[in-house]
């Protein structure tokens, strides 16, 4: 019998925002946040009563100042990663249709990156296994 206390499950929705040139938007985690300086796909924690799609619509507006709809979010894959104090479950959606120009509203740097160059950007461990799916897609 394992006596390790159960880790809490954290559900986070992430979005591979793709521009007209087939590049993917990465956001750099700002100073003061855990894993600061690492690059990630925009998104955030799914709040009580929210669907992952509703989370992305809210987070994309809050973090980047852009608007999208549920119909514009296509599920691609997911990550399941055990961190030391929690287990992360992260569905990754693809979004090619949105209104507005993404801007880092929370002090985060943004970069449009080709799929084949994603590995050049240090990412949290949960994000790295998502890269091959985006490379296959693009």
N, C-alpha and C. Protein backbone atom coordinates (compact mmCIF):
# COMPACT_ATOMS: atom_id res chain seq x y z
N UNK A 1 0.84 -1.18 0.00
CA UNK A 1 0.00 0.00 0.00
C UNK A 1 0.89 1.24 0.00
N UNK A 2 0.62 2.13 -0.90
CA UNK A 2 1.40 3.36 -1.03
C UNK A 2 0.90 4.37 -0.01
N UNK A 3 1.82 4.91 0.79
CA UNK A 3 1.42 5.87 1.82
C UNK A 3 1.59 7.32 1.38
N UNK A 4 1.96 7.53 0.11
CA UNK A 4 2.13 8.88 -0.39
C UNK A 4 0.77 9.58 -0.45
N UNK A 5 0.69 10.81 0.06
CA UNK A 5 -0.59 11.52 -0.03
C UNK A 5 -0.93 11.78 -1.50
N UNK A 6 -2.21 11.72 -1.85
CA UNK A 6 -2.57 11.96 -3.25
C UNK A 6 -2.29 13.41 -3.64
N UNK A 7 -1.79 13.57 -4.85
CA UNK A 7 -1.57 14.92 -5.37
C UNK A 7 -2.89 15.44 -5.91
N UNK A 8 -3.05 16.74 -5.83
CA UNK A 8 -4.26 17.33 -6.39
C UNK A 8 -4.13 17.37 -7.92
N UNK A 9 -5.26 17.25 -8.58
CA UNK A 9 -5.31 17.30 -10.03
C UNK A 9 -5.61 18.73 -10.45
N UNK A 10 -4.78 19.29 -11.30
CA UNK A 10 -4.97 20.65 -11.78
C UNK A 10 -5.31 20.59 -13.26
N UNK A 11 -6.47 21.13 -13.62
CA UNK A 11 -6.91 21.16 -15.01
C UNK A 11 -6.62 22.54 -15.59
N UNK A 12 -5.79 22.57 -16.61
CA UNK A 12 -5.39 23.81 -17.28
C UNK A 12 -5.66 23.65 -18.76
N UNK A 13 -6.29 24.62 -19.40
CA UNK A 13 -6.52 24.59 -20.84
C UNK A 13 -5.48 25.46 -21.52
N UNK A 14 -4.93 24.96 -22.63
CA UNK A 14 -3.92 25.70 -23.38
C UNK A 14 -4.34 25.81 -24.84
N UNK A 15 -3.81 26.84 -25.50
CA UNK A 15 -4.20 27.11 -26.88
C UNK A 15 -2.97 27.35 -27.74
N UNK A 16 -2.92 26.62 -28.86
CA UNK A 16 -1.93 26.91 -29.89
C UNK A 16 -2.61 27.87 -30.85
N UNK A 17 -2.33 29.15 -30.67
CA UNK A 17 -2.89 30.19 -31.51
C UNK A 17 -2.03 30.24 -32.77
N UNK A 18 -2.66 30.11 -33.94
CA UNK A 18 -1.90 30.02 -35.19
C UNK A 18 -2.27 31.19 -36.08
N UNK A 19 -1.24 31.88 -36.59
CA UNK A 19 -1.49 33.04 -37.45
C UNK A 19 -1.59 32.61 -38.92
N UNK A 20 -1.82 33.57 -39.79
CA UNK A 20 -2.00 33.30 -41.22
C UNK A 20 -0.79 32.70 -41.89
N UNK A 21 0.39 32.87 -41.28
CA UNK A 21 1.63 32.30 -41.82
C UNK A 21 1.94 30.93 -41.24
N UNK A 22 1.02 30.37 -40.41
CA UNK A 22 1.25 29.05 -39.84
C UNK A 22 2.20 29.05 -38.66
N UNK A 23 2.39 30.22 -38.04
CA UNK A 23 3.25 30.30 -36.85
C UNK A 23 2.38 30.20 -35.60
N UNK A 24 2.99 29.73 -34.51
CA UNK A 24 2.31 29.51 -33.24
C UNK A 24 2.76 30.57 -32.24
N UNK A 25 1.82 31.09 -31.48
CA UNK A 25 2.15 32.11 -30.48
C UNK A 25 2.61 31.45 -29.18
N UNK A 26 3.78 31.87 -28.70
CA UNK A 26 4.27 31.45 -27.39
C UNK A 26 4.31 32.68 -26.48
N UNK A 27 4.05 32.45 -25.20
CA UNK A 27 4.11 33.51 -24.20
C UNK A 27 5.16 33.12 -23.17
N UNK A 28 5.96 34.10 -22.75
CA UNK A 28 7.00 33.83 -21.75
C UNK A 28 6.44 34.11 -20.37
N UNK A 29 6.63 33.13 -19.46
CA UNK A 29 6.12 33.31 -18.09
C UNK A 29 6.88 34.46 -17.43
N UNK A 30 6.14 35.46 -16.91
CA UNK A 30 6.81 36.65 -16.35
C UNK A 30 7.47 36.37 -15.00
N UNK A 31 8.38 37.26 -14.63
CA UNK A 31 9.04 37.17 -13.33
C UNK A 31 8.00 37.14 -12.23
N UNK A 32 8.27 36.38 -11.18
CA UNK A 32 7.36 36.31 -10.05
C UNK A 32 6.41 35.12 -10.13
N UNK A 33 6.27 34.53 -11.31
CA UNK A 33 5.43 33.33 -11.46
C UNK A 33 6.34 32.11 -11.38
N UNK A 34 5.76 30.96 -11.00
CA UNK A 34 6.57 29.74 -11.02
C UNK A 34 6.99 29.48 -12.47
N UNK A 35 8.16 28.91 -12.63
CA UNK A 35 8.74 28.63 -13.95
C UNK A 35 8.90 29.90 -14.79
N UNK A 36 9.19 31.02 -14.13
CA UNK A 36 9.40 32.29 -14.84
C UNK A 36 10.48 32.13 -15.90
N UNK A 37 10.27 32.79 -17.04
CA UNK A 37 11.24 32.77 -18.12
C UNK A 37 10.99 31.65 -19.13
N UNK A 38 10.21 30.63 -18.75
CA UNK A 38 9.92 29.55 -19.70
C UNK A 38 8.81 29.99 -20.65
N UNK A 39 8.80 29.41 -21.83
CA UNK A 39 7.81 29.73 -22.85
C UNK A 39 6.69 28.71 -22.81
N UNK A 40 5.45 29.16 -23.02
CA UNK A 40 4.30 28.27 -22.95
C UNK A 40 3.23 28.70 -23.95
N UNK A 41 2.25 27.81 -24.11
CA UNK A 41 1.09 28.13 -24.91
C UNK A 41 0.13 28.92 -24.02
N UNK A 42 -0.50 29.97 -24.52
CA UNK A 42 -1.42 30.75 -23.70
C UNK A 42 -2.57 29.88 -23.18
N UNK A 43 -3.10 30.27 -22.03
CA UNK A 43 -4.21 29.55 -21.43
C UNK A 43 -4.22 29.76 -19.94
N UNK A 44 -4.89 28.87 -19.22
CA UNK A 44 -4.92 29.03 -17.78
C UNK A 44 -5.78 27.97 -17.11
N UNK A 45 -5.89 28.13 -15.79
CA UNK A 45 -6.65 27.18 -14.96
C UNK A 45 -8.13 27.21 -15.30
N UNK A 46 -8.71 26.03 -15.38
CA UNK A 46 -10.15 25.91 -15.58
C UNK A 46 -10.81 26.15 -14.23
N UNK A 47 -11.63 27.19 -14.15
CA UNK A 47 -12.31 27.55 -12.90
C UNK A 47 -13.56 26.69 -12.72
N UNK A 48 -14.04 26.62 -11.48
CA UNK A 48 -15.25 25.84 -11.17
C UNK A 48 -16.40 26.30 -12.06
N UNK A 49 -17.08 25.34 -12.66
CA UNK A 49 -18.22 25.66 -13.50
C UNK A 49 -17.88 26.01 -14.93
N UNK A 50 -16.59 26.08 -15.28
CA UNK A 50 -16.18 26.42 -16.63
C UNK A 50 -15.83 25.17 -17.43
N UNK A 51 -16.04 25.24 -18.74
CA UNK A 51 -15.50 24.23 -19.63
C UNK A 51 -14.10 24.69 -20.05
N UNK A 52 -13.26 23.78 -20.55
CA UNK A 52 -11.95 24.22 -21.04
C UNK A 52 -12.06 25.29 -22.14
N UNK A 53 -13.08 25.16 -22.99
CA UNK A 53 -13.26 26.15 -24.06
C UNK A 53 -13.60 27.52 -23.48
N UNK A 54 -14.49 27.56 -22.48
CA UNK A 54 -14.83 28.84 -21.84
C UNK A 54 -13.60 29.43 -21.16
N UNK A 55 -12.78 28.58 -20.57
CA UNK A 55 -11.54 29.06 -19.94
C UNK A 55 -10.66 29.74 -20.98
N UNK A 56 -10.49 29.10 -22.14
CA UNK A 56 -9.62 29.70 -23.16
C UNK A 56 -10.18 31.02 -23.68
N UNK A 57 -11.48 31.09 -23.89
CA UNK A 57 -12.07 32.34 -24.36
C UNK A 57 -11.79 33.45 -23.34
N UNK A 58 -11.96 33.15 -22.05
CA UNK A 58 -11.71 34.13 -20.98
C UNK A 58 -10.22 34.48 -20.91
N UNK A 59 -9.37 33.45 -20.88
CA UNK A 59 -7.93 33.69 -20.72
C UNK A 59 -7.32 34.42 -21.92
N UNK A 60 -7.75 34.08 -23.13
CA UNK A 60 -7.20 34.75 -24.31
C UNK A 60 -7.56 36.23 -24.30
N UNK A 61 -8.76 36.55 -23.82
CA UNK A 61 -9.17 37.95 -23.71
C UNK A 61 -8.35 38.65 -22.61
N UNK A 62 -8.23 38.00 -21.43
CA UNK A 62 -7.50 38.61 -20.30
C UNK A 62 -6.01 38.75 -20.59
N UNK A 63 -5.38 37.69 -21.11
CA UNK A 63 -3.93 37.68 -21.28
C UNK A 63 -3.47 38.39 -22.55
N UNK A 64 -4.26 38.26 -23.63
CA UNK A 64 -3.79 38.72 -24.93
C UNK A 64 -4.67 39.79 -25.58
N UNK A 65 -5.86 40.03 -25.02
CA UNK A 65 -6.75 41.04 -25.59
C UNK A 65 -7.40 40.62 -26.90
N UNK A 66 -7.53 39.31 -27.13
CA UNK A 66 -8.18 38.84 -28.35
C UNK A 66 -9.47 38.10 -28.00
N UNK A 67 -10.37 38.03 -28.98
CA UNK A 67 -11.65 37.36 -28.79
C UNK A 67 -11.77 36.19 -29.77
N UNK A 68 -12.34 35.09 -29.28
CA UNK A 68 -12.63 33.95 -30.15
C UNK A 68 -13.92 33.30 -29.66
N UNK A 69 -14.36 32.27 -30.36
CA UNK A 69 -15.59 31.57 -30.02
C UNK A 69 -15.29 30.09 -29.86
N UNK A 70 -16.20 29.38 -29.18
CA UNK A 70 -16.04 27.94 -28.97
C UNK A 70 -15.84 27.23 -30.31
N UNK A 71 -16.61 27.63 -31.34
CA UNK A 71 -16.53 26.97 -32.65
C UNK A 71 -15.14 27.12 -33.29
N UNK A 72 -14.35 28.07 -32.83
CA UNK A 72 -13.02 28.31 -33.40
C UNK A 72 -11.91 27.56 -32.65
N UNK A 73 -12.28 26.82 -31.60
CA UNK A 73 -11.31 26.08 -30.79
C UNK A 73 -11.42 24.59 -31.12
N UNK A 74 -10.37 24.04 -31.70
CA UNK A 74 -10.38 22.62 -32.07
C UNK A 74 -9.43 21.85 -31.16
N UNK A 75 -9.93 20.83 -30.44
CA UNK A 75 -9.03 20.06 -29.58
C UNK A 75 -8.01 19.29 -30.42
N UNK A 76 -6.74 19.32 -30.01
CA UNK A 76 -5.68 18.64 -30.75
C UNK A 76 -5.15 17.43 -29.98
N UNK A 77 -4.75 17.65 -28.72
CA UNK A 77 -4.18 16.59 -27.90
C UNK A 77 -4.22 17.06 -26.46
N UNK A 78 -3.58 16.32 -25.56
CA UNK A 78 -3.51 16.77 -24.17
C UNK A 78 -2.21 16.30 -23.55
N UNK A 79 -1.85 16.95 -22.45
CA UNK A 79 -0.68 16.57 -21.67
C UNK A 79 -1.16 16.11 -20.30
N UNK A 80 -0.50 15.07 -19.78
CA UNK A 80 -0.74 14.60 -18.42
C UNK A 80 0.63 14.50 -17.79
N UNK A 81 0.90 15.37 -16.81
CA UNK A 81 2.26 15.46 -16.27
C UNK A 81 2.24 15.56 -14.74
N UNK A 82 3.05 14.74 -14.10
CA UNK A 82 3.16 14.76 -12.64
C UNK A 82 4.25 15.74 -12.22
N UNK A 83 3.84 16.83 -11.61
CA UNK A 83 4.78 17.74 -10.96
C UNK A 83 4.90 17.27 -9.52
N UNK A 84 5.81 17.85 -8.77
CA UNK A 84 6.08 17.38 -7.41
C UNK A 84 4.85 17.46 -6.50
N UNK A 85 4.11 18.59 -6.57
CA UNK A 85 3.00 18.77 -5.63
C UNK A 85 1.61 18.74 -6.27
N UNK A 86 1.51 18.49 -7.58
CA UNK A 86 0.21 18.36 -8.23
C UNK A 86 0.39 17.60 -9.54
N UNK A 87 -0.73 17.13 -10.08
CA UNK A 87 -0.72 16.47 -11.38
C UNK A 87 -1.48 17.36 -12.35
N UNK A 88 -0.83 17.69 -13.46
CA UNK A 88 -1.41 18.60 -14.44
C UNK A 88 -2.06 17.81 -15.58
N UNK A 89 -3.31 18.13 -15.86
CA UNK A 89 -4.00 17.61 -17.04
C UNK A 89 -4.29 18.83 -17.90
N UNK A 90 -3.77 18.84 -19.14
CA UNK A 90 -3.85 20.04 -19.96
C UNK A 90 -4.27 19.71 -21.39
N UNK A 91 -5.56 19.93 -21.71
CA UNK A 91 -5.97 19.82 -23.11
C UNK A 91 -5.39 20.98 -23.91
N UNK A 92 -4.92 20.65 -25.13
CA UNK A 92 -4.39 21.67 -26.03
C UNK A 92 -5.34 21.82 -27.22
N UNK A 93 -5.78 23.04 -27.40
CA UNK A 93 -6.67 23.37 -28.51
C UNK A 93 -5.89 24.17 -29.56
N UNK A 94 -6.35 24.11 -30.80
CA UNK A 94 -5.80 24.91 -31.88
C UNK A 94 -6.83 25.97 -32.22
N UNK A 95 -6.36 27.20 -32.41
CA UNK A 95 -7.26 28.30 -32.79
C UNK A 95 -6.60 29.09 -33.92
N UNK A 96 -7.29 29.14 -35.05
CA UNK A 96 -6.81 29.91 -36.20
C UNK A 96 -7.67 31.15 -36.47
N UNK A 97 -8.85 31.22 -35.83
CA UNK A 97 -9.78 32.33 -36.06
C UNK A 97 -10.03 33.08 -34.76
N UNK A 98 -9.63 34.33 -34.75
CA UNK A 98 -9.80 35.18 -33.56
C UNK A 98 -9.82 36.63 -34.01
N UNK A 99 -10.34 37.50 -33.15
CA UNK A 99 -10.41 38.93 -33.44
C UNK A 99 -9.41 39.67 -32.56
N UNK A 100 -8.70 40.61 -33.16
CA UNK A 100 -7.74 41.42 -32.42
C UNK A 100 -6.32 41.00 -32.70
N UNK A 101 -5.40 41.77 -32.18
CA UNK A 101 -3.96 41.49 -32.31
C UNK A 101 -3.44 41.11 -30.93
N UNK A 102 -2.89 39.90 -30.77
CA UNK A 102 -2.41 39.49 -29.44
C UNK A 102 -1.35 40.44 -28.89
N UNK A 103 -1.56 40.85 -27.64
CA UNK A 103 -0.60 41.69 -26.92
C UNK A 103 -0.47 41.15 -25.50
N UNK A 104 0.76 41.17 -24.97
CA UNK A 104 1.00 40.67 -23.61
C UNK A 104 0.44 41.63 -22.57
N UNK A 105 -0.77 41.38 -22.11
CA UNK A 105 -1.43 42.28 -21.16
C UNK A 105 -0.97 42.07 -19.72
N UNK A 106 -0.23 41.00 -19.46
CA UNK A 106 0.22 40.71 -18.09
C UNK A 106 1.74 40.80 -17.98
N UNK A 107 2.36 41.58 -18.84
CA UNK A 107 3.80 41.77 -18.79
C UNK A 107 4.60 40.66 -19.44
N UNK A 108 3.92 39.70 -20.08
CA UNK A 108 4.63 38.58 -20.68
C UNK A 108 5.10 38.93 -22.09
N UNK A 109 6.28 38.44 -22.45
CA UNK A 109 6.77 38.59 -23.82
C UNK A 109 6.03 37.58 -24.70
N UNK A 110 5.79 37.96 -25.95
CA UNK A 110 5.14 37.08 -26.91
C UNK A 110 6.05 36.87 -28.10
N UNK A 111 5.94 35.70 -28.72
CA UNK A 111 6.77 35.42 -29.89
C UNK A 111 6.00 34.47 -30.81
N UNK A 112 5.94 34.80 -32.10
CA UNK A 112 5.37 33.91 -33.11
C UNK A 112 6.48 32.99 -33.60
N UNK A 113 6.25 31.69 -33.53
CA UNK A 113 7.30 30.70 -33.78
C UNK A 113 6.80 29.63 -34.75
N UNK A 114 7.65 29.23 -35.67
CA UNK A 114 7.33 28.10 -36.56
C UNK A 114 7.38 26.81 -35.75
N UNK A 115 6.53 25.85 -36.10
CA UNK A 115 6.46 24.59 -35.34
C UNK A 115 7.82 23.91 -35.23
N UNK A 116 8.60 23.93 -36.29
CA UNK A 116 9.90 23.24 -36.27
C UNK A 116 10.90 23.94 -35.34
N UNK A 117 10.61 25.19 -34.94
CA UNK A 117 11.52 25.93 -34.05
C UNK A 117 11.05 25.92 -32.59
N UNK A 118 9.93 25.25 -32.29
CA UNK A 118 9.41 25.27 -30.92
C UNK A 118 10.41 24.74 -29.90
N UNK A 119 11.21 23.74 -30.28
CA UNK A 119 12.18 23.15 -29.34
C UNK A 119 13.31 24.12 -28.97
N UNK A 120 13.42 25.24 -29.70
CA UNK A 120 14.45 26.25 -29.40
C UNK A 120 14.05 27.11 -28.20
N UNK A 121 12.84 26.95 -27.71
CA UNK A 121 12.33 27.77 -26.60
C UNK A 121 12.13 26.88 -25.38
N UNK A 122 12.83 27.16 -24.27
CA UNK A 122 12.65 26.33 -23.07
C UNK A 122 11.21 26.42 -22.56
N UNK A 123 10.61 25.26 -22.32
CA UNK A 123 9.20 25.20 -21.91
C UNK A 123 9.06 24.39 -20.63
N UNK A 124 7.93 24.58 -19.92
CA UNK A 124 7.64 23.70 -18.79
C UNK A 124 7.57 22.25 -19.27
N UNK A 125 7.92 21.29 -18.42
CA UNK A 125 7.95 19.88 -18.84
C UNK A 125 6.64 19.38 -19.43
N UNK A 126 5.50 19.89 -18.97
CA UNK A 126 4.22 19.42 -19.49
C UNK A 126 3.98 19.87 -20.93
N UNK A 127 4.57 20.99 -21.34
CA UNK A 127 4.33 21.52 -22.69
C UNK A 127 5.15 20.79 -23.76
N UNK A 128 6.33 20.32 -23.39
CA UNK A 128 7.24 19.74 -24.39
C UNK A 128 6.65 18.58 -25.19
N UNK A 129 5.90 17.63 -24.57
CA UNK A 129 5.34 16.53 -25.36
C UNK A 129 4.29 16.95 -26.38
N UNK A 130 3.82 18.19 -26.31
CA UNK A 130 2.81 18.68 -27.25
C UNK A 130 3.43 19.09 -28.59
N UNK A 131 4.72 19.36 -28.59
CA UNK A 131 5.40 19.88 -29.79
C UNK A 131 5.25 18.96 -31.01
N UNK A 132 5.48 17.63 -30.89
CA UNK A 132 5.36 16.79 -32.09
C UNK A 132 3.98 16.85 -32.74
N UNK A 133 2.92 17.01 -31.95
CA UNK A 133 1.57 17.10 -32.52
C UNK A 133 1.42 18.37 -33.36
N UNK A 134 2.02 19.46 -32.89
CA UNK A 134 1.95 20.71 -33.64
C UNK A 134 2.83 20.63 -34.88
N UNK A 135 3.96 19.95 -34.79
CA UNK A 135 4.82 19.78 -35.96
C UNK A 135 4.09 18.95 -37.04
N UNK A 136 3.38 17.91 -36.62
CA UNK A 136 2.61 17.09 -37.56
C UNK A 136 1.48 17.90 -38.20
N UNK A 137 0.84 18.76 -37.41
CA UNK A 137 -0.28 19.55 -37.89
C UNK A 137 0.17 20.60 -38.91
N UNK A 138 1.32 21.21 -38.63
CA UNK A 138 1.77 22.33 -39.47
C UNK A 138 2.92 21.90 -40.37
